[in-house]
Amino acid sequence: MENILHPLWGGSIAIHDINHDGHPEIIGYGGEVFDASTGTRLNEGQTINELSYTPTLGDFDSDGIIEIIGTSNIYRWDSGTNRWVVKYPNIHSGVGIHHAFADFGKPKENGTFDFTTLDGIAEIVSCGNQNVNISTLSGETVFKQTIGDTGSAPCAIGDFEGDGLPEIATAFKDSYRIFDPRCRETDPECTDEGVLWAQKTQTASILYGGSSLFDFDGDGVTEAVYADACYTRIYDGRTGEVLFSSSHANPSWFGYPVIADVDNDESPEIVVGSSIVMSTCESPDPIHRGLHCSNDDDCLSRSCVDGLCRCHSDSECNRANPANGSRFDEYVCTDGITAADQAEGKVCRAKHDLKGSTASIRVLRDRLDRWTSSRNIWNQHTYSITNIHDNQTIPATSAWAQNFVTSGLNNFRQNAQGPRATGAAPDIKVYATENSCRISGSEISLGATICNRGTKMAASQMPVSFYLLHEDDSRERLCTAYTLVNLPDAACLDVSCHIAEETRDMIMHKPLLIIANDDDDDGRTTVECNEANNTADTVVHACSAY
């Protein structure tokens, strides 16, 4: 399967079962169609030059036959001839080079378009060449915004206001915007005509990097994730406030963040590729107010004021690395970006620390796993939730329930909520074992059992600390164990950590305290629904051989 794709630089592929035979095909960005099992070219000799670099396919008219979007025409797949043929000519989406689709409303009898009533029929979104455009399948342009800002990235579609209606997210060279066709200049919640909000970005070169969407807190309002040349950010869907920021390096080509539960711990992660530093980046992030919090326990500094973690030093912003004890160096303790924030003390803001060539894949997570659970699949650039089943099989087009006709999924490049309900959390209970101290050769270890009595899995690397209690009620940490695997609800796990020979002699016949989800430094690694059962005590009378 070498040298088989349309000879253009960049681009991506899509995977769909377009001929209804129960087996997927691979579609290239020139419309090339290959049998996924054998690599056989099905439409030999046919190349469509007007297709996007990221091929966008769907059953837009719900007739059971797949279509693909071009800059001027929509083509349908003819299984009899194994060819793409024009189905909808001159759809007027040709103002852009990236495409998406969703149900944005319905035409009115008076010739206008109702953006408040959905009809189960897809409209075509086009982004690029300084434009964002919505067209009907009949070729009517119902929304168009031209921005005096070069370029435009692939479109994502989601509900950023929680009203059940879709908006469009895309990036330009100097800004990231949410386009809402219902916005008017006079609307106080909107930034401009047709624009819900806009945030400053920085792009290094050609702008083809897209964004992904997810409802991280499960409140029905979509958040956007976009990585520009300097930072990966999560934006509040309603306002555009930066809720999270992390250092990034990328020339802003076709890569973009994806959101999935990559380690199956029932909490989502953000996967983003970093490349070469091609820009001079402001540091700290000029639009990141700081690490957000709900209470003091959310912060390493144990100080949350007005929704932001407050700090006195960088160490209060960066957690320790369980692998070697060193500290991650993601955030800096510095002044806030507003006078109101500065009045309450310093905050932890993202700093840019990627130097030189940093080609890598970074996996980002919430430090306390507070994000709602997500699906563990994101299979292609033009991802729409229903285009792949949870068991990783591809639906035949005739059986493909399109996002725009599936309740709650009228979106594009957004991942689905996972199996756990919003608010689900672990509940870790710790038990002292009968033989809390054991010897094997020259190694001496302290051990305990932890069980998850909650409603959500607890991720690996949870700390369990062992303390010696002194007569004055002070405590001295002896060692900290870390779980090596995820701990599902209704499951238990033994943990242990090593101590020195002199420590064994010191603890004999003395009271020990065991605390789960605690390492005496950065504290907990997850939010629990009950933290009153995280401790157990014991007395070591002897260390047993094992």
Protein backbone atom coordinates (compact mmCIF):
# COMPACT_ATOMS: atom_id res chain seq x y z
CA MET A 1 0.00 0.00 0.00
CA GLU A 2 2.78 2.42 -0.82
CA ASN A 3 2.39 5.62 -2.88
CA ILE A 4 -1.35 5.18 -3.19
CA LEU A 5 -2.68 8.46 -1.88
CA HIS A 6 -3.32 11.70 -3.70
CA PRO A 7 0.12 13.37 -4.12
CA LEU A 8 -0.42 16.36 -1.85
CA TRP A 9 1.50 17.16 1.30
CA GLY A 10 -0.15 16.61 4.65
CA GLY A 11 -3.72 15.47 5.07
CA SER A 12 -5.36 12.50 6.74
CA ILE A 13 -7.51 9.47 6.03
CA ALA A 14 -11.02 8.45 7.07
CA ILE A 15 -12.41 4.99 7.84
CA HIS A 16 -15.98 4.05 6.87
CA ASP A 17 -17.88 1.06 5.51
CA ILE A 18 -19.09 2.85 2.40
CA ASN A 19 -20.33 -0.16 0.38
CA HIS A 20 -22.36 -1.82 3.15
CA ASP A 21 -20.44 -5.12 3.12
CA GLY A 22 -19.61 -5.19 6.82
CA HIS A 23 -15.95 -4.33 6.27
CA PRO A 24 -14.43 -0.83 6.45
CA GLU A 25 -12.75 1.04 3.64
CA ILE A 26 -9.98 3.64 3.91
CA ILE A 27 -10.66 6.95 2.18
CA GLY A 28 -7.79 9.26 1.26
CA TYR A 29 -7.88 13.01 0.85
CA GLY A 30 -8.20 12.78 -2.91
CA GLY A 31 -11.24 10.51 -2.61
CA GLU A 32 -9.17 7.33 -3.05
CA VAL A 33 -11.02 4.31 -1.65
CA PHE A 34 -9.14 1.20 -0.50
CA ASP A 35 -10.29 -2.10 0.89
CA ALA A 36 -8.95 -1.99 4.46
CA SER A 37 -8.09 -5.69 4.55
CA THR A 38 -6.25 -6.05 1.25
CA GLY A 39 -5.29 -2.53 0.22
CA THR A 40 -7.03 -3.00 -3.13
CA ARG A 41 -7.98 0.32 -4.74
CA LEU A 42 -11.73 0.26 -5.42
CA ASN A 43 -12.00 3.44 -7.51
CA GLU A 44 -8.82 3.00 -9.53
CA GLY A 45 -7.89 6.14 -11.45
CA GLN A 46 -10.38 8.48 -9.76
CA THR A 47 -8.99 11.48 -7.88
CA ILE A 48 -11.15 14.42 -6.75
CA ASN A 49 -8.98 17.51 -6.36
CA GLU A 50 -11.57 19.62 -4.55
CA LEU A 51 -11.76 17.48 -1.41
CA SER A 52 -10.47 18.60 1.96
CA TYR A 53 -7.08 17.51 3.30
CA THR A 54 -9.19 15.86 6.03
CA PRO A 55 -11.87 13.88 4.13
CA THR A 56 -15.31 14.46 5.63
CA LEU A 57 -17.93 11.78 5.02
CA GLY A 58 -21.47 11.21 6.24
CA ASP A 59 -24.99 10.31 5.23
CA PHE A 60 -26.15 13.93 5.08
CA ASP A 61 -29.60 13.23 3.63
CA SER A 62 -30.25 10.03 5.63
CA ASP A 63 -30.82 7.86 2.55
CA GLY A 64 -28.46 5.10 3.69
CA ILE A 65 -25.74 6.01 1.16
CA ILE A 66 -22.55 7.80 2.13
CA GLU A 67 -21.46 11.18 0.78
CA ILE A 68 -18.19 13.12 0.84
CA ILE A 69 -17.83 16.92 0.91
CA GLY A 70 -15.91 18.88 -1.72
CA THR A 71 -15.24 22.59 -1.78
CA SER A 72 -18.01 23.05 -4.36
CA ASN A 73 -19.88 19.75 -4.66
CA ILE A 74 -21.03 16.87 -2.52
CA TYR A 75 -20.36 13.41 -3.99
CA ARG A 76 -22.10 10.14 -3.21
CA TRP A 77 -20.55 6.69 -3.44
CA ASP A 78 -21.95 4.46 -6.19
CA SER A 79 -21.29 0.84 -5.13
CA GLY A 80 -22.28 -0.40 -8.59
CA THR A 81 -19.54 1.47 -10.43
CA ASN A 82 -17.17 2.00 -7.47
CA ARG A 83 -17.04 5.69 -8.23
CA TRP A 84 -17.84 8.97 -6.55
CA VAL A 85 -20.57 10.82 -8.45
CA VAL A 86 -21.89 14.33 -7.89
CA LYS A 87 -25.02 14.27 -5.73
CA TYR A 88 -25.36 17.93 -4.66
CA PRO A 89 -23.67 20.37 -7.08
CA ASN A 90 -22.63 23.90 -6.20
CA ILE A 91 -23.40 23.78 -2.50
CA HIS A 92 -21.50 27.07 -2.11
CA SER A 93 -19.33 25.80 0.73
CA GLY A 94 -16.29 26.47 -1.41
CA VAL A 95 -15.22 29.47 0.65
CA GLY A 96 -13.26 27.12 2.93
CA ILE A 97 -11.02 24.09 2.72
CA HIS A 98 -12.12 22.29 5.91
CA HIS A 99 -15.57 20.81 6.43
CA ALA A 100 -17.94 19.54 9.10
CA PHE A 101 -21.68 18.92 9.37
CA ALA A 102 -24.51 19.11 11.90
CA ASP A 103 -28.18 20.09 12.11
CA PHE A 104 -28.28 23.87 12.55
CA GLY A 105 -31.99 24.50 11.95
CA LYS A 106 -34.60 24.52 9.19
CA PRO A 107 -35.55 26.72 6.24
CA LYS A 108 -38.65 28.89 6.65
CA GLU A 109 -41.36 29.31 4.04
CA ASN A 110 -40.43 32.99 3.67
CA GLY A 111 -36.95 32.05 2.48
CA THR A 112 -35.10 32.76 5.75
CA PHE A 113 -33.49 30.16 7.98
CA ASP A 114 -34.61 29.28 11.50
CA PHE A 115 -31.55 28.59 13.65
CA THR A 116 -33.68 27.76 16.72
CA THR A 117 -35.64 24.76 15.38
CA LEU A 118 -33.81 21.57 14.37
CA ASP A 119 -35.23 19.37 11.59
CA GLY A 120 -32.91 16.34 11.54
CA ILE A 121 -31.27 17.34 8.24
CA ALA A 122 -27.59 18.19 8.04
CA GLU A 123 -26.13 21.52 7.02
CA ILE A 124 -22.58 21.74 5.70
CA VAL A 125 -19.99 23.86 7.52
CA SER A 126 -16.93 25.17 5.69
CA CYS A 127 -13.94 26.82 7.39
CA GLY A 128 -10.92 28.40 5.74
CA ASN A 129 -9.65 31.31 3.68
CA GLN A 130 -10.75 33.73 6.41
CA ASN A 131 -14.34 32.44 6.28
CA VAL A 132 -16.84 30.36 8.22
CA ASN A 133 -19.83 29.29 6.19
CA ILE A 134 -23.01 27.23 6.70
CA SER A 135 -24.82 25.91 3.62
CA THR A 136 -27.89 23.78 3.09
CA LEU A 137 -27.79 20.73 0.83
CA SER A 138 -29.76 22.75 -1.72
CA GLY A 139 -26.88 25.23 -2.00
CA GLU A 140 -28.25 28.10 0.07
CA THR A 141 -25.73 29.94 2.22
CA VAL A 142 -27.51 30.61 5.52
CA PHE A 143 -24.56 31.93 7.55
CA LYS A 144 -21.26 33.47 6.52
CA GLN A 145 -18.63 35.28 8.51
CA THR A 146 -15.48 36.74 6.97
CA ILE A 147 -12.75 37.46 9.52
CA GLY A 148 -9.87 39.81 8.82
CA ASP A 149 -7.44 37.24 10.17
CA THR A 150 -5.51 34.91 7.88
CA GLY A 151 -6.29 31.24 7.55
CA SER A 152 -8.70 29.04 9.38
CA ALA A 153 -8.37 25.63 10.96
CA PRO A 154 -10.67 22.59 10.75
CA CYS A 155 -14.10 23.14 12.31
CA ALA A 156 -15.51 21.55 15.44
CA ILE A 157 -19.19 21.73 16.35
CA GLY A 158 -20.74 21.59 19.81
CA ASP A 159 -23.25 23.15 22.19
CA PHE A 160 -21.24 25.86 23.96
CA GLU A 161 -24.22 27.52 25.63
CA GLY A 162 -26.14 24.52 26.96
CA ASP A 163 -29.27 25.43 25.01
CA GLY A 164 -29.41 22.33 22.81
CA LEU A 165 -28.29 24.24 19.70
CA PRO A 166 -24.90 23.95 17.96
CA GLU A 167 -22.11 26.47 17.50
CA ILE A 168 -18.88 26.30 15.48
CA ALA A 169 -15.35 26.38 16.92
CA THR A 170 -12.33 27.16 14.76
CA ALA A 171 -8.98 28.91 14.95
CA PHE A 172 -7.49 31.70 12.87
CA LYS A 173 -3.89 32.85 12.87
CA ASP A 174 -4.31 35.21 15.82
CA SER A 175 -7.54 34.08 17.43
CA TYR A 176 -9.73 31.16 18.46
CA ARG A 177 -13.45 31.82 18.02
CA ILE A 178 -16.84 30.29 18.68
CA PHE A 179 -19.29 31.24 15.92
CA ASP A 180 -22.97 31.38 16.82
CA PRO A 181 -25.39 32.23 13.98
CA ARG A 182 -27.88 33.48 16.57
CA CYS A 183 -25.49 36.13 17.96
CA ARG A 184 -26.14 39.79 17.24
CA GLU A 185 -23.92 42.78 17.99
CA THR A 186 -26.43 43.97 20.56
CA ASP A 187 -26.42 40.69 22.50
CA PRO A 188 -24.56 41.25 25.79
CA GLU A 189 -23.37 37.63 25.91
CA CYS A 190 -21.85 37.80 22.41
CA THR A 191 -18.59 39.38 21.31
CA ASP A 192 -19.71 40.38 17.82
CA GLU A 193 -22.19 39.67 15.08
CA GLY A 194 -22.22 35.89 14.70
CA VAL A 195 -19.40 35.44 17.26
CA LEU A 196 -20.03 34.16 20.79
CA TRP A 197 -16.46 34.86 21.95
CA ALA A 198 -12.88 35.14 20.71
CA GLN A 199 -9.53 34.54 22.43
CA LYS A 200 -6.01 35.50 21.43
CA THR A 201 -3.80 32.73 19.96
CA GLN A 202 -0.35 32.47 18.43
CA THR A 203 0.38 30.51 15.26
CA ALA A 204 3.82 29.65 13.96
CA SER A 205 3.20 28.88 10.28
CA ILE A 206 0.48 27.38 8.07
CA LEU A 207 -2.74 27.08 10.07
CA TYR A 208 -4.35 23.66 9.73
CA GLY A 209 -4.43 22.59 13.39
CA GLY A 210 -7.92 21.86 14.65
CA SER A 211 -9.57 21.62 18.02
CA SER A 212 -11.53 19.04 19.95
CA LEU A 213 -14.51 19.29 22.28
CA PHE A 214 -15.78 17.67 25.47
CA ASP A 215 -18.06 18.43 28.41
CA PHE A 216 -15.46 18.00 31.15
CA ASP A 217 -17.70 18.81 34.10
CA GLY A 218 -20.87 17.14 32.77
CA ASP A 219 -23.03 20.26 33.04
CA GLY A 220 -24.37 20.11 29.47
CA VAL A 221 -22.08 22.90 28.24
CA THR A 222 -19.24 21.95 25.88
CA GLU A 223 -15.65 23.04 26.53
CA ALA A 224 -13.15 23.51 23.69
CA VAL A 225 -9.54 22.28 23.59
CA TYR A 226 -7.10 23.97 21.23
CA ALA A 227 -3.30 23.87 21.02
CA ASP A 228 -1.65 26.84 19.33
CA ALA A 229 2.10 27.23 18.81
CA CYS A 230 2.74 27.80 22.51
CA TYR A 231 0.01 26.39 24.77
CA THR A 232 -2.67 23.70 24.94
CA ARG A 233 -5.75 25.26 26.51
CA ILE A 234 -9.22 24.30 27.68
CA TYR A 235 -11.72 27.12 27.11
CA ASP A 236 -14.98 27.66 28.95
CA GLY A 237 -17.70 27.15 26.35
CA ARG A 238 -19.86 30.10 27.37
CA THR A 239 -17.21 32.74 27.99
CA GLY A 240 -13.90 31.61 26.47
CA GLU A 241 -12.07 31.87 29.79
CA VAL A 242 -8.99 29.62 29.86
CA LEU A 243 -9.75 26.92 32.43
CA PHE A 244 -6.50 25.00 31.93
CA SER A 245 -3.22 25.65 30.11
CA SER A 246 -0.10 23.59 29.47
CA SER A 247 3.10 24.32 27.55
CA HIS A 248 3.09 23.22 23.90
CA ALA A 249 5.24 23.50 20.78
CA ASN A 250 3.82 23.01 17.30
CA PRO A 251 4.00 24.71 13.89
CA SER A 252 0.16 24.49 13.79
CA TRP A 253 -0.12 21.98 10.97
CA PHE A 254 -2.69 19.16 10.90
CA GLY A 255 -2.22 17.87 14.43
CA TYR A 256 -4.77 18.68 17.11
CA PRO A 257 -5.60 17.52 20.65
CA VAL A 258 -7.87 14.54 21.11
CA ILE A 259 -9.83 13.60 24.22
CA ALA A 260 -10.26 10.01 25.37
CA ASP A 261 -9.85 7.78 28.40
CA VAL A 262 -6.52 6.40 27.24
CA ASP A 263 -5.69 4.39 30.38
CA ASN A 264 -9.20 3.07 31.12
CA ASP A 265 -9.42 4.70 34.55
CA GLU A 266 -12.87 6.20 33.87
CA SER A 267 -11.40 9.70 33.62
CA PRO A 268 -10.50 11.41 30.32
CA GLU A 269 -7.10 12.58 29.20
CA ILE A 270 -6.01 15.06 26.53
CA VAL A 271 -3.50 13.65 24.05
CA VAL A 272 -1.51 16.26 22.14
CA GLY A 273 1.58 16.05 19.98
CA SER A 274 4.39 18.54 20.40
CA SER A 275 6.87 19.25 17.64
CA ILE A 276 9.58 21.87 17.13
CA VAL A 277 9.52 25.27 18.79
CA MET A 278 8.95 27.73 15.94
CA SER A 279 7.73 30.75 17.90
CA THR A 280 8.90 33.07 20.63
CA CYS A 281 6.29 32.36 23.28
CA GLU A 282 5.14 34.63 26.06
CA SER A 283 5.66 33.08 29.47
CA PRO A 284 3.62 32.73 31.58
CA ASP A 285 0.58 32.19 29.37
CA PRO A 286 -0.82 35.71 28.83
CA ILE A 287 -4.49 34.60 28.91
CA HIS A 288 -4.33 31.97 31.65
CA ARG A 289 -5.61 33.38 34.96
CA GLY A 290 -4.22 30.45 36.92
CA LEU A 291 -5.05 26.98 38.23
CA HIS A 292 -8.75 26.83 39.05
CA CYS A 293 -10.13 25.40 42.30
CA SER A 294 -13.36 24.90 44.24
CA ASN A 295 -11.85 24.60 47.72
CA ASP A 296 -8.50 24.56 49.50
CA ASP A 297 -8.02 20.83 49.02
CA ASP A 298 -7.93 21.33 45.24
CA CYS A 299 -4.63 23.23 45.57
CA LEU A 300 -1.15 21.97 46.42
CA SER A 301 -0.80 25.12 48.53
CA ARG A 302 -4.10 24.35 50.31
CA SER A 303 -5.24 27.90 49.54
CA CYS A 304 -8.13 28.60 47.16
CA VAL A 305 -9.34 32.20 46.92
CA ASP A 306 -11.93 33.43 44.42
CA GLY A 307 -11.69 30.22 42.40
CA LEU A 308 -7.89 30.27 41.91
CA CYS A 309 -5.11 28.45 43.75
CA ARG A 310 -2.90 30.92 45.63
CA CYS A 311 0.81 30.37 46.14
CA HIS A 312 4.05 31.73 47.57
CA SER A 313 6.51 29.64 45.56
CA ASP A 314 6.69 27.51 42.41
CA SER A 315 6.76 24.36 44.56
CA GLU A 316 3.18 25.09 45.58
CA CYS A 317 2.15 24.96 41.92
CA ASN A 318 3.88 21.79 40.69
CA ARG A 319 3.27 18.29 42.02
CA ALA A 320 6.02 15.75 42.60
CA ASN A 321 6.74 13.01 40.09
CA PRO A 322 5.96 9.67 41.81
CA ALA A 323 8.57 7.92 39.67
CA ASN A 324 11.58 9.79 41.05
CA GLY A 325 10.39 12.43 43.50
CA SER A 326 11.37 15.34 41.24
CA ARG A 327 8.85 18.09 40.63
CA PHE A 328 7.11 18.72 37.37
CA ASP A 329 7.88 22.20 36.12
CA GLU A 330 4.64 23.25 34.41
CA TYR A 331 3.54 26.30 36.38
CA VAL A 332 5.05 29.41 37.89
CA CYS A 333 3.86 31.27 40.98
CA THR A 334 3.34 34.81 39.75
CA ASP A 335 0.95 37.75 39.60
CA GLY A 336 -2.51 37.30 38.12
CA ILE A 337 -3.56 38.90 34.83
CA THR A 338 -6.27 41.10 36.35
CA ALA A 339 -6.14 43.63 39.15
CA ALA A 340 -8.81 41.69 41.04
CA ASP A 341 -6.77 38.49 40.88
CA GLN A 342 -3.59 40.28 41.93
CA ALA A 343 -5.32 41.72 44.99
CA GLU A 344 -5.75 38.27 46.52
CA GLY A 345 -2.17 37.03 46.12
CA LYS A 346 -0.06 35.22 43.55
CA VAL A 347 -1.47 32.45 41.35
CA CYS A 348 -0.14 29.41 39.47
CA ARG A 349 0.01 30.17 35.74
CA ALA A 350 1.24 27.95 32.91
CA LYS A 351 4.75 28.71 31.75
CA HIS A 352 6.36 27.85 28.44
CA ASP A 353 9.26 25.49 29.10
CA LEU A 354 9.64 23.45 25.90
CA LYS A 355 13.00 24.26 24.35
CA GLY A 356 14.46 23.28 20.99
CA SER A 357 13.29 20.09 19.34
CA THR A 358 10.61 18.54 21.55
CA ALA A 359 8.88 16.07 19.26
CA SER A 360 6.72 14.07 21.64
CA ILE A 361 3.24 13.02 22.61
CA ARG A 362 2.00 14.47 25.87
CA VAL A 363 -0.93 13.04 27.83
CA LEU A 364 -2.58 15.59 30.13
CA ARG A 365 -5.05 14.83 32.92
CA ASP A 366 -6.75 16.65 35.74
CA ARG A 367 -4.54 16.29 38.83
CA LEU A 368 -7.51 15.14 40.93
CA ASP A 369 -9.43 13.28 38.18
CA ARG A 370 -12.43 15.57 38.58
CA TRP A 371 -13.35 15.44 34.89
CA THR A 372 -16.37 13.33 34.02
CA SER A 373 -15.76 9.97 32.41
CA SER A 374 -15.38 9.75 28.65
CA ARG A 375 -15.28 7.23 25.85
CA ASN A 376 -11.85 5.63 25.25
CA ILE A 377 -11.97 5.96 21.44
CA TRP A 378 -11.07 8.75 19.01
CA ASN A 379 -10.30 7.03 15.75
CA GLN A 380 -9.78 9.63 13.01
CA HIS A 381 -9.30 13.31 12.21
CA THR A 382 -12.93 13.83 11.12
CA TYR A 383 -14.27 12.11 14.23
CA SER A 384 -17.95 11.99 14.97
CA ILE A 385 -18.99 9.78 17.86
CA THR A 386 -21.28 7.44 15.94
CA ASN A 387 -18.80 6.70 13.15
CA ILE A 388 -17.23 3.94 15.27
CA HIS A 389 -18.75 1.55 17.82
CA ASP A 390 -17.42 1.09 21.35
CA ASN A 391 -16.10 -2.33 20.29
CA GLN A 392 -14.02 -0.57 17.57
CA THR A 393 -16.09 -1.92 14.66
CA ILE A 394 -17.19 0.45 11.89
CA PRO A 395 -20.94 0.66 11.11
CA ALA A 396 -22.14 0.15 7.56
CA THR A 397 -23.45 3.43 6.18
CA SER A 398 -26.97 2.02 5.94
CA ALA A 399 -26.84 1.33 9.71
CA TRP A 400 -24.88 4.44 10.72
CA ALA A 401 -26.92 6.56 13.11
CA GLN A 402 -25.55 9.98 12.26
CA ASN A 403 -24.70 12.39 15.08
CA PHE A 404 -27.17 15.00 13.86
CA VAL A 405 -30.13 12.62 14.28
CA THR A 406 -28.94 11.11 17.59
CA SER A 407 -30.22 12.79 20.74
CA GLY A 408 -27.51 14.77 22.51
CA LEU A 409 -24.90 14.16 19.80
CA ASN A 410 -25.49 16.99 17.33
CA ASN A 411 -21.75 17.72 17.22
CA PHE A 412 -18.49 17.10 15.35
CA ARG A 413 -14.98 16.43 16.70
CA GLN A 414 -16.47 16.06 20.19
CA ASN A 415 -16.19 12.97 22.35
CA ALA A 416 -19.05 11.33 24.23
CA GLN A 417 -19.55 11.18 27.97
CA GLY A 418 -18.49 7.88 29.50
CA PRO A 419 -20.43 5.29 31.48
CA ARG A 420 -20.10 6.97 34.88
CA ALA A 421 -22.63 9.60 35.91
CA THR A 422 -21.57 13.17 36.62
CA GLY A 423 -20.46 13.39 40.23
CA ALA A 424 -19.33 9.75 40.46
CA ALA A 425 -16.21 9.40 42.60
CA PRO A 426 -14.08 6.77 44.30
CA ASP A 427 -14.29 6.09 48.03
CA ILE A 428 -11.01 4.63 49.26
CA LYS A 429 -11.04 2.71 52.55
CA VAL A 430 -7.78 1.47 54.04
CA TYR A 431 -7.24 -1.62 56.22
CA ALA A 432 -4.21 -2.57 58.27
CA THR A 433 -3.22 -6.14 57.41
CA GLU A 434 -2.50 -8.76 60.05
CA ASN A 435 1.16 -8.73 59.07
CA SER A 436 1.77 -5.06 58.34
CA CYS A 437 5.54 -5.56 58.37
CA ARG A 438 7.20 -8.24 56.25
CA ILE A 439 10.76 -9.33 55.45
CA SER A 440 12.03 -10.90 52.24
CA GLY A 441 15.78 -11.34 52.16
CA SER A 442 17.27 -7.95 52.95
CA GLU A 443 14.08 -6.05 52.08
CA ILE A 444 11.67 -4.88 54.77
CA SER A 445 8.27 -3.51 53.79
CA LEU A 446 5.15 -2.08 55.35
CA GLY A 447 1.83 -3.07 53.80
CA ALA A 448 -1.89 -2.43 53.86
CA THR A 449 -5.04 -3.18 51.88
CA ILE A 450 -7.12 -0.49 50.20
CA CYS A 451 -10.63 -0.99 48.83
CA ASN A 452 -12.74 1.23 46.60
CA ARG A 453 -16.27 1.57 48.00
CA GLY A 454 -17.22 4.39 45.65
CA THR A 455 -18.95 4.70 42.27
CA LYS A 456 -15.94 5.37 40.05
CA MET A 457 -12.54 3.80 39.43
CA ALA A 458 -9.47 5.23 41.18
CA ALA A 459 -6.53 5.74 38.83
CA SER A 460 -3.14 4.15 39.41
CA GLN A 461 -0.31 5.99 41.20
CA MET A 462 -2.51 6.74 44.21
CA PRO A 463 -0.27 7.23 47.29
CA VAL A 464 -0.72 5.36 50.58
CA SER A 465 1.52 6.67 53.35
CA PHE A 466 2.72 4.99 56.55
CA TYR A 467 3.49 7.15 59.62
CA LEU A 468 5.04 6.56 63.01
CA LEU A 469 2.98 8.24 65.75
CA HIS A 470 4.99 9.89 68.53
CA GLU A 471 3.87 10.45 72.10
CA ASP A 472 3.29 14.15 71.45
CA ASP A 473 0.79 13.19 68.68
CA SER A 474 3.19 14.29 65.96
CA ARG A 475 3.77 11.90 63.09
CA GLU A 476 6.79 10.94 61.04
CA ARG A 477 6.40 9.57 57.54
CA LEU A 478 8.13 6.24 57.10
CA CYS A 479 7.40 5.50 53.44
CA THR A 480 4.77 5.92 50.74
CA ALA A 481 3.39 3.20 48.49
CA TYR A 482 1.82 3.90 45.10
CA THR A 483 -0.80 1.75 43.42
CA LEU A 484 0.51 0.29 40.16
CA VAL A 485 -2.88 -0.44 38.57
CA ASN A 486 -6.31 1.17 38.47
CA LEU A 487 -8.63 0.26 41.36
CA PRO A 488 -12.21 -0.35 40.17
CA ASP A 489 -15.17 0.22 42.46
CA ALA A 490 -15.97 -2.81 44.66
CA ALA A 491 -12.34 -4.02 44.34
CA CYS A 492 -9.42 -4.21 46.75
CA LEU A 493 -5.65 -4.00 46.33
CA ASP A 494 -2.64 -4.71 48.52
CA VAL A 495 0.05 -2.01 48.64
CA SER A 496 3.48 -1.90 50.24
CA CYS A 497 6.66 0.19 50.44
CA HIS A 498 10.19 -0.48 51.67
CA ILE A 499 11.80 0.79 54.86
CA ALA A 500 15.39 0.64 56.13
CA GLU A 501 16.67 -1.85 58.74
CA GLU A 502 17.08 0.88 61.36
CA THR A 503 13.51 1.97 60.73
CA ARG A 504 12.23 -1.52 61.59
CA ASP A 505 13.87 -1.38 64.98
CA MET A 506 12.45 2.09 65.56
CA ILE A 507 8.81 1.15 64.90
CA MET A 508 8.56 -2.05 66.93
CA HIS A 509 5.66 -1.95 69.41
CA LYS A 510 4.89 1.61 68.37
CA PRO A 511 1.60 2.88 66.90
CA LEU A 512 1.52 3.33 63.13
CA LEU A 513 -0.96 5.37 61.11
CA ILE A 514 -1.82 4.46 57.50
CA ILE A 515 -3.44 7.10 55.27
CA ALA A 516 -4.72 6.36 51.76
CA ASN A 517 -4.81 8.99 49.01
CA ASP A 518 -2.07 10.93 50.80
CA ASP A 519 1.68 11.27 50.45
CA ASP A 520 2.37 14.01 53.01
CA ASP A 521 3.46 16.37 50.23
CA ASP A 522 1.12 16.87 47.31
CA GLY A 523 -1.77 15.25 49.14
CA ARG A 524 -4.49 13.37 47.34
CA THR A 525 -4.54 12.33 43.71
CA THR A 526 -8.30 12.02 43.35
CA VAL A 527 -11.46 13.55 44.77
CA GLU A 528 -13.41 11.07 46.88
CA CYS A 529 -17.06 10.99 47.87
CA ASN A 530 -16.06 10.10 51.44
CA GLU A 531 -12.67 10.89 52.93
CA ALA A 532 -13.56 9.93 56.51
CA ASN A 533 -12.44 6.31 56.06
CA ASN A 534 -8.97 6.94 54.60
CA THR A 535 -7.05 6.05 57.75
CA ALA A 536 -6.23 2.95 59.74
CA ASP A 537 -3.92 2.32 62.68
CA THR A 538 -1.94 -0.65 63.85
CA VAL A 539 0.98 -1.69 66.05
CA VAL A 540 3.87 -3.70 64.62
CA HIS A 541 5.03 -6.43 67.05
CA ALA A 542 7.11 -8.37 64.53
CA CYS A 543 8.01 -8.51 60.86
CA SER A 544 6.96 -11.77 59.21
CA ALA A 545 8.89 -13.51 56.48
CA TYR A 546 7.27 -13.85 53.06
